[in-house]
Amino acid sequence: MGIKTFFKNAFADMKADAKAQHEVDKANMAATKAESKAQWEEAKAMGKPETRKKVMQAQRDEQIAAAQQRQAEAQTRIDATKK
């Protein structure tokens, strides 16, 4: 293999790698753009009182369920120690 062939192959490999990296960069940019738009839409929706109330109620319901679960676990531990 001559030096000419070596450099020809090396530059062909670099070109292929650059193309592949460009595709990765395009995909990452599209994903970032979509995530940014999603965050914007969520923030915009939170400006509406009815949406905000729904989200806050869902969070409260989740916290209540977690508290009830902890209470049930504590009661189980209490019952276990009394036996």
PDB file of N, CA and C in Angstrom:
ATOM      1  N   MET A   1       0.854  -1.169   0.000  1.00  0.00           N
ATOM      2  CA  MET A   1       0.000   0.000   0.000  1.00  0.00           C
ATOM      3  C   MET A   1       0.901   1.232   0.000  1.00  0.00           C
ATOM      4  N   GLY A   2       0.631   2.061  -0.965  1.00  0.00           N
ATOM      5  CA  GLY A   2       1.440   3.267  -1.099  1.00  0.00           C
ATOM      6  C   GLY A   2       0.898   4.382  -0.231  1.00  0.00           C
ATOM      7  N   ILE A   3       1.690   5.411  -0.134  1.00  0.00           N
ATOM      8  CA  ILE A   3       1.307   6.557   0.691  1.00  0.00           C
ATOM      9  C   ILE A   3       0.083   7.262   0.106  1.00  0.00           C
ATOM     10  N   LYS A   4      -0.029   7.254  -1.222  1.00  0.00           N
ATOM     11  CA  LYS A   4      -1.174   7.871  -1.882  1.00  0.00           C
ATOM     12  C   LYS A   4      -2.472   7.151  -1.492  1.00  0.00           C
ATOM     13  N   THR A   5      -2.441   5.851  -1.496  1.00  0.00           N
ATOM     14  CA  THR A   5      -3.606   5.045  -1.149  1.00  0.00           C
ATOM     15  C   THR A   5      -3.955   5.224   0.330  1.00  0.00           C
ATOM     16  N   PHE A   6      -2.904   5.293   1.148  1.00  0.00           N
ATOM     17  CA  PHE A   6      -3.128   5.486   2.581  1.00  0.00           C
ATOM     18  C   PHE A   6      -3.900   6.774   2.848  1.00  0.00           C
ATOM     19  N   PHE A   7      -3.430   7.881   2.265  1.00  0.00           N
ATOM     20  CA  PHE A   7      -4.097   9.160   2.482  1.00  0.00           C
ATOM     21  C   PHE A   7      -5.484   9.192   1.855  1.00  0.00           C
ATOM     22  N   LYS A   8      -5.642   8.534   0.721  1.00  0.00           N
ATOM     23  CA  LYS A   8      -6.942   8.471   0.069  1.00  0.00           C
ATOM     24  C   LYS A   8      -7.952   7.763   0.980  1.00  0.00           C
ATOM     25  N   ASN A   9      -7.533   6.641   1.553  1.00  0.00           N
ATOM     26  CA  ASN A   9      -8.398   5.894   2.467  1.00  0.00           C
ATOM     27  C   ASN A   9      -8.657   6.687   3.748  1.00  0.00           C
ATOM     28  N   ALA A  10      -7.638   7.361   4.265  1.00  0.00           N
ATOM     29  CA  ALA A  10      -7.780   8.135   5.499  1.00  0.00           C
ATOM     30  C   ALA A  10      -8.786   9.265   5.311  1.00  0.00           C
ATOM     31  N   PHE A  11      -8.685   9.979   4.183  1.00  0.00           N
ATOM     32  CA  PHE A  11      -9.621  11.082   3.941  1.00  0.00           C
ATOM     33  C   PHE A  11     -11.031  10.568   3.667  1.00  0.00           C
ATOM     34  N   ALA A  12     -11.155   9.417   3.054  1.00  0.00           N
ATOM     35  CA  ALA A  12     -12.481   8.826   2.826  1.00  0.00           C
ATOM     36  C   ALA A  12     -13.117   8.442   4.168  1.00  0.00           C
ATOM     37  N   ASP A  13     -12.306   7.895   5.077  1.00  0.00           N
ATOM     38  CA  ASP A  13     -12.810   7.546   6.408  1.00  0.00           C
ATOM     39  C   ASP A  13     -13.231   8.795   7.190  1.00  0.00           C
ATOM     40  N   MET A  14     -12.423   9.854   7.099  1.00  0.00           N
ATOM     41  CA  MET A  14     -12.763  11.094   7.796  1.00  0.00           C
ATOM     42  C   MET A  14     -14.062  11.683   7.250  1.00  0.00           C
ATOM     43  N   LYS A  15     -14.253  11.581   5.944  1.00  0.00           N
ATOM     44  CA  LYS A  15     -15.470  12.100   5.333  1.00  0.00           C
ATOM     45  C   LYS A  15     -16.686  11.318   5.829  1.00  0.00           C
ATOM     46  N   ALA A  16     -16.564  10.003   5.881  1.00  0.00           N
ATOM     47  CA  ALA A  16     -17.665   9.168   6.357  1.00  0.00           C
ATOM     48  C   ALA A  16     -17.967   9.457   7.825  1.00  0.00           C
ATOM     49  N   ASP A  17     -16.925   9.611   8.644  1.00  0.00           N
ATOM     50  CA  ASP A  17     -17.113   9.923  10.061  1.00  0.00           C
ATOM     51  C   ASP A  17     -17.776  11.287  10.240  1.00  0.00           C
ATOM     52  N   ALA A  18     -17.368  12.263   9.453  1.00  0.00           N
ATOM     53  CA  ALA A  18     -17.954  13.596   9.548  1.00  0.00           C
ATOM     54  C   ALA A  18     -19.437  13.563   9.168  1.00  0.00           C
ATOM     55  N   LYS A  19     -19.767  12.777   8.152  1.00  0.00           N
ATOM     56  CA  LYS A  19     -21.175  12.646   7.743  1.00  0.00           C
ATOM     57  C   LYS A  19     -21.999  12.011   8.853  1.00  0.00           C
ATOM     58  N   ALA A  20     -21.471  10.956   9.439  1.00  0.00           N
ATOM     59  CA  ALA A  20     -22.182  10.268  10.511  1.00  0.00           C
ATOM     60  C   ALA A  20     -22.361  11.189  11.721  1.00  0.00           C
ATOM     61  N   GLN A  21     -21.325  11.935  12.071  1.00  0.00           N
ATOM     62  CA  GLN A  21     -21.406  12.852  13.198  1.00  0.00           C
ATOM     63  C   GLN A  21     -22.421  13.963  12.915  1.00  0.00           C
ATOM     64  N   HIS A  22     -22.498  14.401  11.674  1.00  0.00           N
ATOM     65  CA  HIS A  22     -23.467  15.427  11.292  1.00  0.00           C
ATOM     66  C   HIS A  22     -24.893  14.917  11.499  1.00  0.00           C
ATOM     67  N   GLU A  23     -25.134  13.658  11.173  1.00  0.00           N
ATOM     68  CA  GLU A  23     -26.463  13.068  11.384  1.00  0.00           C
ATOM     69  C   GLU A  23     -26.803  13.014  12.872  1.00  0.00           C
ATOM     70  N   VAL A  24     -25.820  12.665  13.685  1.00  0.00           N
ATOM     71  CA  VAL A  24     -26.025  12.628  15.136  1.00  0.00           C
ATOM     72  C   VAL A  24     -26.336  14.034  15.647  1.00  0.00           C
ATOM     73  N   ASP A  25     -25.580  15.020  15.175  1.00  0.00           N
ATOM     74  CA  ASP A  25     -25.799  16.398  15.604  1.00  0.00           C
ATOM     75  C   ASP A  25     -27.183  16.897  15.194  1.00  0.00           C
ATOM     76  N   LYS A  26     -27.621  16.548  13.993  1.00  0.00           N
ATOM     77  CA  LYS A  26     -28.952  16.951  13.539  1.00  0.00           C
ATOM     78  C   LYS A  26     -30.031  16.335  14.415  1.00  0.00           C
ATOM     79  N   ALA A  27     -29.877  15.064  14.762  1.00  0.00           N
ATOM     80  CA  ALA A  27     -30.857  14.387  15.609  1.00  0.00           C
ATOM     81  C   ALA A  27     -30.890  15.007  17.006  1.00  0.00           C
ATOM     82  N   ASN A  28     -29.720  15.301  17.570  1.00  0.00           N
ATOM     83  CA  ASN A  28     -29.655  15.927  18.891  1.00  0.00           C
ATOM     84  C   ASN A  28     -30.278  17.324  18.875  1.00  0.00           C
ATOM     85  N   MET A  29     -30.044  18.062  17.811  1.00  0.00           N
ATOM     86  CA  MET A  29     -30.607  19.410  17.695  1.00  0.00           C
ATOM     87  C   MET A  29     -32.131  19.341  17.607  1.00  0.00           C
ATOM     88  N   ALA A  30     -32.646  18.397  16.850  1.00  0.00           N
ATOM     89  CA  ALA A  30     -34.096  18.243  16.729  1.00  0.00           C
ATOM     90  C   ALA A  30     -34.714  17.860  18.074  1.00  0.00           C
ATOM     91  N   ALA A  31     -34.041  16.982  18.811  1.00  0.00           N
ATOM     92  CA  ALA A  31     -34.537  16.575  20.127  1.00  0.00           C
ATOM     93  C   ALA A  31     -34.531  17.762  21.093  1.00  0.00           C
ATOM     94  N   THR A  32     -33.486  18.541  21.082  1.00  0.00           N
ATOM     95  CA  THR A  32     -33.390  19.717  21.950  1.00  0.00           C
ATOM     96  C   THR A  32     -34.471  20.725  21.613  1.00  0.00           C
ATOM     97  N   LYS A  33     -34.705  20.913  20.333  1.00  0.00           N
ATOM     98  CA  LYS A  33     -35.737  21.846  19.887  1.00  0.00           C
ATOM     99  C   LYS A  33     -37.118  21.379  20.352  1.00  0.00           C
ATOM    100  N   ALA A  34     -37.398  20.080  20.239  1.00  0.00           N
ATOM    101  CA  ALA A  34     -38.687  19.538  20.663  1.00  0.00           C
ATOM    102  C   ALA A  34     -38.862  19.662  22.178  1.00  0.00           C
ATOM    103  N   GLU A  35     -37.804  19.391  22.937  1.00  0.00           N
ATOM    104  CA  GLU A  35     -37.878  19.518  24.389  1.00  0.00           C
ATOM    105  C   GLU A  35     -38.128  20.968  24.798  1.00  0.00           C
ATOM    106  N   SER A  36     -37.465  21.890  24.123  1.00  0.00           N
ATOM    107  CA  SER A  36     -37.640  23.304  24.411  1.00  0.00           C
ATOM    108  C   SER A  36     -39.077  23.747  24.138  1.00  0.00           C
ATOM    109  N   LYS A  37     -39.631  23.289  23.026  1.00  0.00           N
ATOM    110  CA  LYS A  37     -41.016  23.634  22.694  1.00  0.00           C
ATOM    111  C   LYS A  37     -41.980  23.047  23.722  1.00  0.00           C
ATOM    112  N   ALA A  38     -41.707  21.818  24.167  1.00  0.00           N
ATOM    113  CA  ALA A  38     -42.559  21.180  25.170  1.00  0.00           C
ATOM    114  C   ALA A  38     -42.529  21.975  26.479  1.00  0.00           C
ATOM    115  N   GLN A  39     -41.349  22.408  26.887  1.00  0.00           N
ATOM    116  CA  GLN A  39     -41.241  23.204  28.111  1.00  0.00           C
ATOM    117  C   GLN A  39     -42.001  24.521  27.967  1.00  0.00           C
ATOM    118  N   TRP A  40     -41.900  25.140  26.798  1.00  0.00           N
ATOM    119  CA  TRP A  40     -42.600  26.400  26.557  1.00  0.00           C
ATOM    120  C   TRP A  40     -44.116  26.200  26.638  1.00  0.00           C
ATOM    121  N   GLU A  41     -44.597  25.148  26.005  1.00  0.00           N
ATOM    122  CA  GLU A  41     -46.034  24.872  26.013  1.00  0.00           C
ATOM    123  C   GLU A  41     -46.533  24.571  27.432  1.00  0.00           C
ATOM    124  N   GLU A  42     -45.727  23.838  28.209  1.00  0.00           N
ATOM    125  CA  GLU A  42     -46.102  23.553  29.595  1.00  0.00           C
ATOM    126  C   GLU A  42     -46.161  24.837  30.415  1.00  0.00           C
ATOM    127  N   ALA A  43     -45.165  25.694  30.222  1.00  0.00           N
ATOM    128  CA  ALA A  43     -45.140  26.959  30.960  1.00  0.00           C
ATOM    129  C   ALA A  43     -46.319  27.835  30.557  1.00  0.00           C
ATOM    130  N   LYS A  44     -46.638  27.843  29.282  1.00  0.00           N
ATOM    131  CA  LYS A  44     -47.758  28.630  28.790  1.00  0.00           C
ATOM    132  C   LYS A  44     -49.076  28.101  29.356  1.00  0.00           C
ATOM    133  N   ALA A  45     -49.198  26.781  29.431  1.00  0.00           N
ATOM    134  CA  ALA A  45     -50.416  26.171  29.960  1.00  0.00           C
ATOM    135  C   ALA A  45     -50.572  26.459  31.454  1.00  0.00           C
ATOM    136  N   MET A  46     -49.472  26.553  32.170  1.00  0.00           N
ATOM    137  CA  MET A  46     -49.539  26.828  33.606  1.00  0.00           C
ATOM    138  C   MET A  46     -50.031  28.251  33.874  1.00  0.00           C
ATOM    139  N   GLY A  47     -50.018  29.096  32.880  1.00  0.00           N
ATOM    140  CA  GLY A  47     -50.532  30.449  33.034  1.00  0.00           C
ATOM    141  C   GLY A  47     -52.047  30.474  33.111  1.00  0.00           C
ATOM    142  N   LYS A  48     -52.684  29.414  32.653  1.00  0.00           N
ATOM    143  CA  LYS A  48     -54.145  29.336  32.696  1.00  0.00           C
ATOM    144  C   LYS A  48     -54.560  28.824  34.076  1.00  0.00           C
ATOM    145  N   PRO A  49     -55.472  29.514  34.722  1.00  0.00           N
ATOM    146  CA  PRO A  49     -55.864  29.114  36.082  1.00  0.00           C
ATOM    147  C   PRO A  49     -56.411  27.687  36.174  1.00  0.00           C
ATOM    148  N   GLU A  50     -57.223  27.269  35.209  1.00  0.00           N
ATOM    149  CA  GLU A  50     -57.813  25.927  35.311  1.00  0.00           C
ATOM    150  C   GLU A  50     -56.752  24.834  35.188  1.00  0.00           C
ATOM    151  N   THR A  51     -55.768  25.042  34.341  1.00  0.00           N
ATOM    152  CA  THR A  51     -54.690  24.063  34.200  1.00  0.00           C
ATOM    153  C   THR A  51     -53.859  24.010  35.473  1.00  0.00           C
ATOM    154  N   ARG A  52     -53.561  25.175  36.003  1.00  0.00           N
ATOM    155  CA  ARG A  52     -52.764  25.242  37.226  1.00  0.00           C
ATOM    156  C   ARG A  52     -53.493  24.552  38.375  1.00  0.00           C
ATOM    157  N   LYS A  53     -54.800  24.771  38.488  1.00  0.00           N
ATOM    158  CA  LYS A  53     -55.579  24.139  39.550  1.00  0.00           C
ATOM    159  C   LYS A  53     -55.553  22.617  39.420  1.00  0.00           C
ATOM    160  N   LYS A  54     -55.658  22.116  38.195  1.00  0.00           N
ATOM    161  CA  LYS A  54     -55.631  20.666  37.979  1.00  0.00           C
ATOM    162  C   LYS A  54     -54.296  20.079  38.397  1.00  0.00           C
ATOM    163  N   VAL A  55     -53.226  20.752  38.008  1.00  0.00           N
ATOM    164  CA  VAL A  55     -51.885  20.261  38.348  1.00  0.00           C
ATOM    165  C   VAL A  55     -51.676  20.288  39.857  1.00  0.00           C
ATOM    166  N   MET A  56     -52.083  21.374  40.491  1.00  0.00           N
ATOM    167  CA  MET A  56     -51.913  21.482  41.940  1.00  0.00           C
ATOM    168  C   MET A  56     -52.745  20.433  42.659  1.00  0.00           C
ATOM    169  N   GLN A  57     -53.964  20.181  42.194  1.00  0.00           N
ATOM    170  CA  GLN A  57     -54.821  19.171  42.821  1.00  0.00           C
ATOM    171  C   GLN A  57     -54.214  17.778  42.664  1.00  0.00           C
ATOM    172  N   ALA A  58     -53.645  17.506  41.491  1.00  0.00           N
ATOM    173  CA  ALA A  58     -53.009  16.206  41.266  1.00  0.00           C
ATOM    174  C   ALA A  58     -51.826  16.018  42.216  1.00  0.00           C
ATOM    175  N   GLN A  59     -51.049  17.087  42.424  1.00  0.00           N
ATOM    176  CA  GLN A  59     -49.924  17.002  43.350  1.00  0.00           C
ATOM    177  C   GLN A  59     -50.409  16.760  44.777  1.00  0.00           C
ATOM    178  N   ARG A  60     -51.471  17.455  45.172  1.00  0.00           N
ATOM    179  CA  ARG A  60     -52.011  17.256  46.525  1.00  0.00           C
ATOM    180  C   ARG A  60     -52.538  15.838  46.696  1.00  0.00           C
ATOM    181  N   ASP A  61     -53.239  15.337  45.698  1.00  0.00           N
ATOM    182  CA  ASP A  61     -53.756  13.964  45.769  1.00  0.00           C
ATOM    183  C   ASP A  61     -52.613  12.964  45.919  1.00  0.00           C
ATOM    184  N   GLU A  62     -51.538  13.207  45.196  1.00  0.00           N
ATOM    185  CA  GLU A  62     -50.369  12.327  45.270  1.00  0.00           C
ATOM    186  C   GLU A  62     -49.758  12.364  46.666  1.00  0.00           C
ATOM    187  N   GLN A  63     -49.664  13.554  47.239  1.00  0.00           N
ATOM    188  CA  GLN A  63     -49.100  13.691  48.584  1.00  0.00           C
ATOM    189  C   GLN A  63     -49.994  13.027  49.625  1.00  0.00           C
ATOM    190  N   ILE A  64     -51.297  13.156  49.472  1.00  0.00           N
ATOM    191  CA  ILE A  64     -52.230  12.520  50.404  1.00  0.00           C
ATOM    192  C   ILE A  64     -52.095  11.003  50.340  1.00  0.00           C
ATOM    193  N   ALA A  65     -52.005  10.471  49.117  1.00  0.00           N
ATOM    194  CA  ALA A  65     -51.859   9.023  48.956  1.00  0.00           C
ATOM    195  C   ALA A  65     -50.558   8.529  49.594  1.00  0.00           C
ATOM    196  N   ALA A  66     -49.486   9.291  49.427  1.00  0.00           N
ATOM    197  CA  ALA A  66     -48.208   8.898  50.022  1.00  0.00           C
ATOM    198  C   ALA A  66     -48.295   8.931  51.549  1.00  0.00           C
ATOM    199  N   ALA A  67     -48.957   9.946  52.089  1.00  0.00           N
ATOM    200  CA  ALA A  67     -49.100  10.054  53.539  1.00  0.00           C
ATOM    201  C   ALA A  67     -49.941   8.899  54.086  1.00  0.00           C
ATOM    202  N   GLN A  68     -51.008   8.541  53.392  1.00  0.00           N
ATOM    203  CA  GLN A  68     -51.840   7.424  53.832  1.00  0.00           C
ATOM    204  C   GLN A  68     -51.061   6.109  53.792  1.00  0.00           C
ATOM    205  N   GLN A  69     -50.225   5.955  52.777  1.00  0.00           N
ATOM    206  CA  GLN A  69     -49.390   4.753  52.670  1.00  0.00           C
ATOM    207  C   GLN A  69     -48.421   4.681  53.849  1.00  0.00           C
ATOM    208  N   ARG A  70     -47.792   5.799  54.182  1.00  0.00           N
ATOM    209  CA  ARG A  70     -46.867   5.825  55.319  1.00  0.00           C
ATOM    210  C   ARG A  70     -47.592   5.521  56.622  1.00  0.00           C
ATOM    211  N   GLN A  71     -48.816   6.050  56.744  1.00  0.00           N
ATOM    212  CA  GLN A  71     -49.600   5.805  57.951  1.00  0.00           C
ATOM    213  C   GLN A  71     -49.951   4.323  58.075  1.00  0.00           C
ATOM    214  N   ALA A  72     -50.321   3.690  56.969  1.00  0.00           N
ATOM    215  CA  ALA A  72     -50.650   2.267  56.990  1.00  0.00           C
ATOM    216  C   ALA A  72     -49.428   1.432  57.350  1.00  0.00           C
ATOM    217  N   GLU A  73     -48.269   1.791  56.814  1.00  0.00           N
ATOM    218  CA  GLU A  73     -47.040   1.071  57.135  1.00  0.00           C
ATOM    219  C   GLU A  73     -46.693   1.226  58.618  1.00  0.00           C
ATOM    220  N   ALA A  74     -46.880   2.429  59.147  1.00  0.00           N
ATOM    221  CA  ALA A  74     -46.589   2.666  60.560  1.00  0.00           C
ATOM    222  C   ALA A  74     -47.537   1.851  61.438  1.00  0.00           C
ATOM    223  N   GLN A  75     -48.793   1.793  61.056  1.00  0.00           N
ATOM    224  CA  GLN A  75     -49.761   1.014  61.831  1.00  0.00           C
ATOM    225  C   GLN A  75     -49.406  -0.471  61.809  1.00  0.00           C
ATOM    226  N   THR A  76     -48.927  -0.955  60.664  1.00  0.00           N
ATOM    227  CA  THR A  76     -48.484  -2.352  60.573  1.00  0.00           C
ATOM    228  C   THR A  76     -47.325  -2.609  61.507  1.00  0.00           C
ATOM    229  N   ARG A  77     -46.399  -1.680  61.565  1.00  0.00           N
ATOM    230  CA  ARG A  77     -45.255  -1.829  62.476  1.00  0.00           C
ATOM    231  C   ARG A  77     -45.711  -1.806  63.932  1.00  0.00           C
ATOM    232  N   ILE A  78     -46.676  -0.954  64.234  1.00  0.00           N
ATOM    233  CA  ILE A  78     -47.200  -0.869  65.610  1.00  0.00           C
ATOM    234  C   ILE A  78     -47.857  -2.192  65.988  1.00  0.00           C
ATOM    235  N   ASP A  79     -48.688  -2.709  65.081  1.00  0.00           N
ATOM    236  CA  ASP A  79     -49.378  -3.978  65.343  1.00  0.00           C
ATOM    237  C   ASP A  79     -48.378  -5.116  65.503  1.00  0.00           C
ATOM    238  N   ALA A  80     -47.309  -5.096  64.746  1.00  0.00           N
ATOM    239  CA  ALA A  80     -46.291  -6.157  64.815  1.00  0.00           C
ATOM    240  C   ALA A  80     -45.579  -6.129  66.155  1.00  0.00           C
ATOM    241  N   THR A  81     -45.360  -4.964  66.703  1.00  0.00           N
ATOM    242  CA  THR A  81     -44.659  -4.888  67.984  1.00  0.00           C
ATOM    243  C   THR A  81     -45.549  -5.255  69.151  1.00  0.00           C
ATOM    244  N   LYS A  82     -46.860  -5.140  69.007  1.00  0.00           N
ATOM    245  CA  LYS A  82     -47.789  -5.467  70.093  1.00  0.00           C
ATOM    246  C   LYS A  82     -48.034  -6.950  70.230  1.00  0.00           C
ATOM    247  N   LYS A  83     -47.701  -7.731  69.227  1.00  0.00           N
ATOM    248  CA  LYS A  83     -47.954  -9.167  69.272  1.00  0.00           C
ATOM    249  C   LYS A  83     -46.939  -9.896  70.080  1.00  0.00           C
TER     250      LYS A  83
END
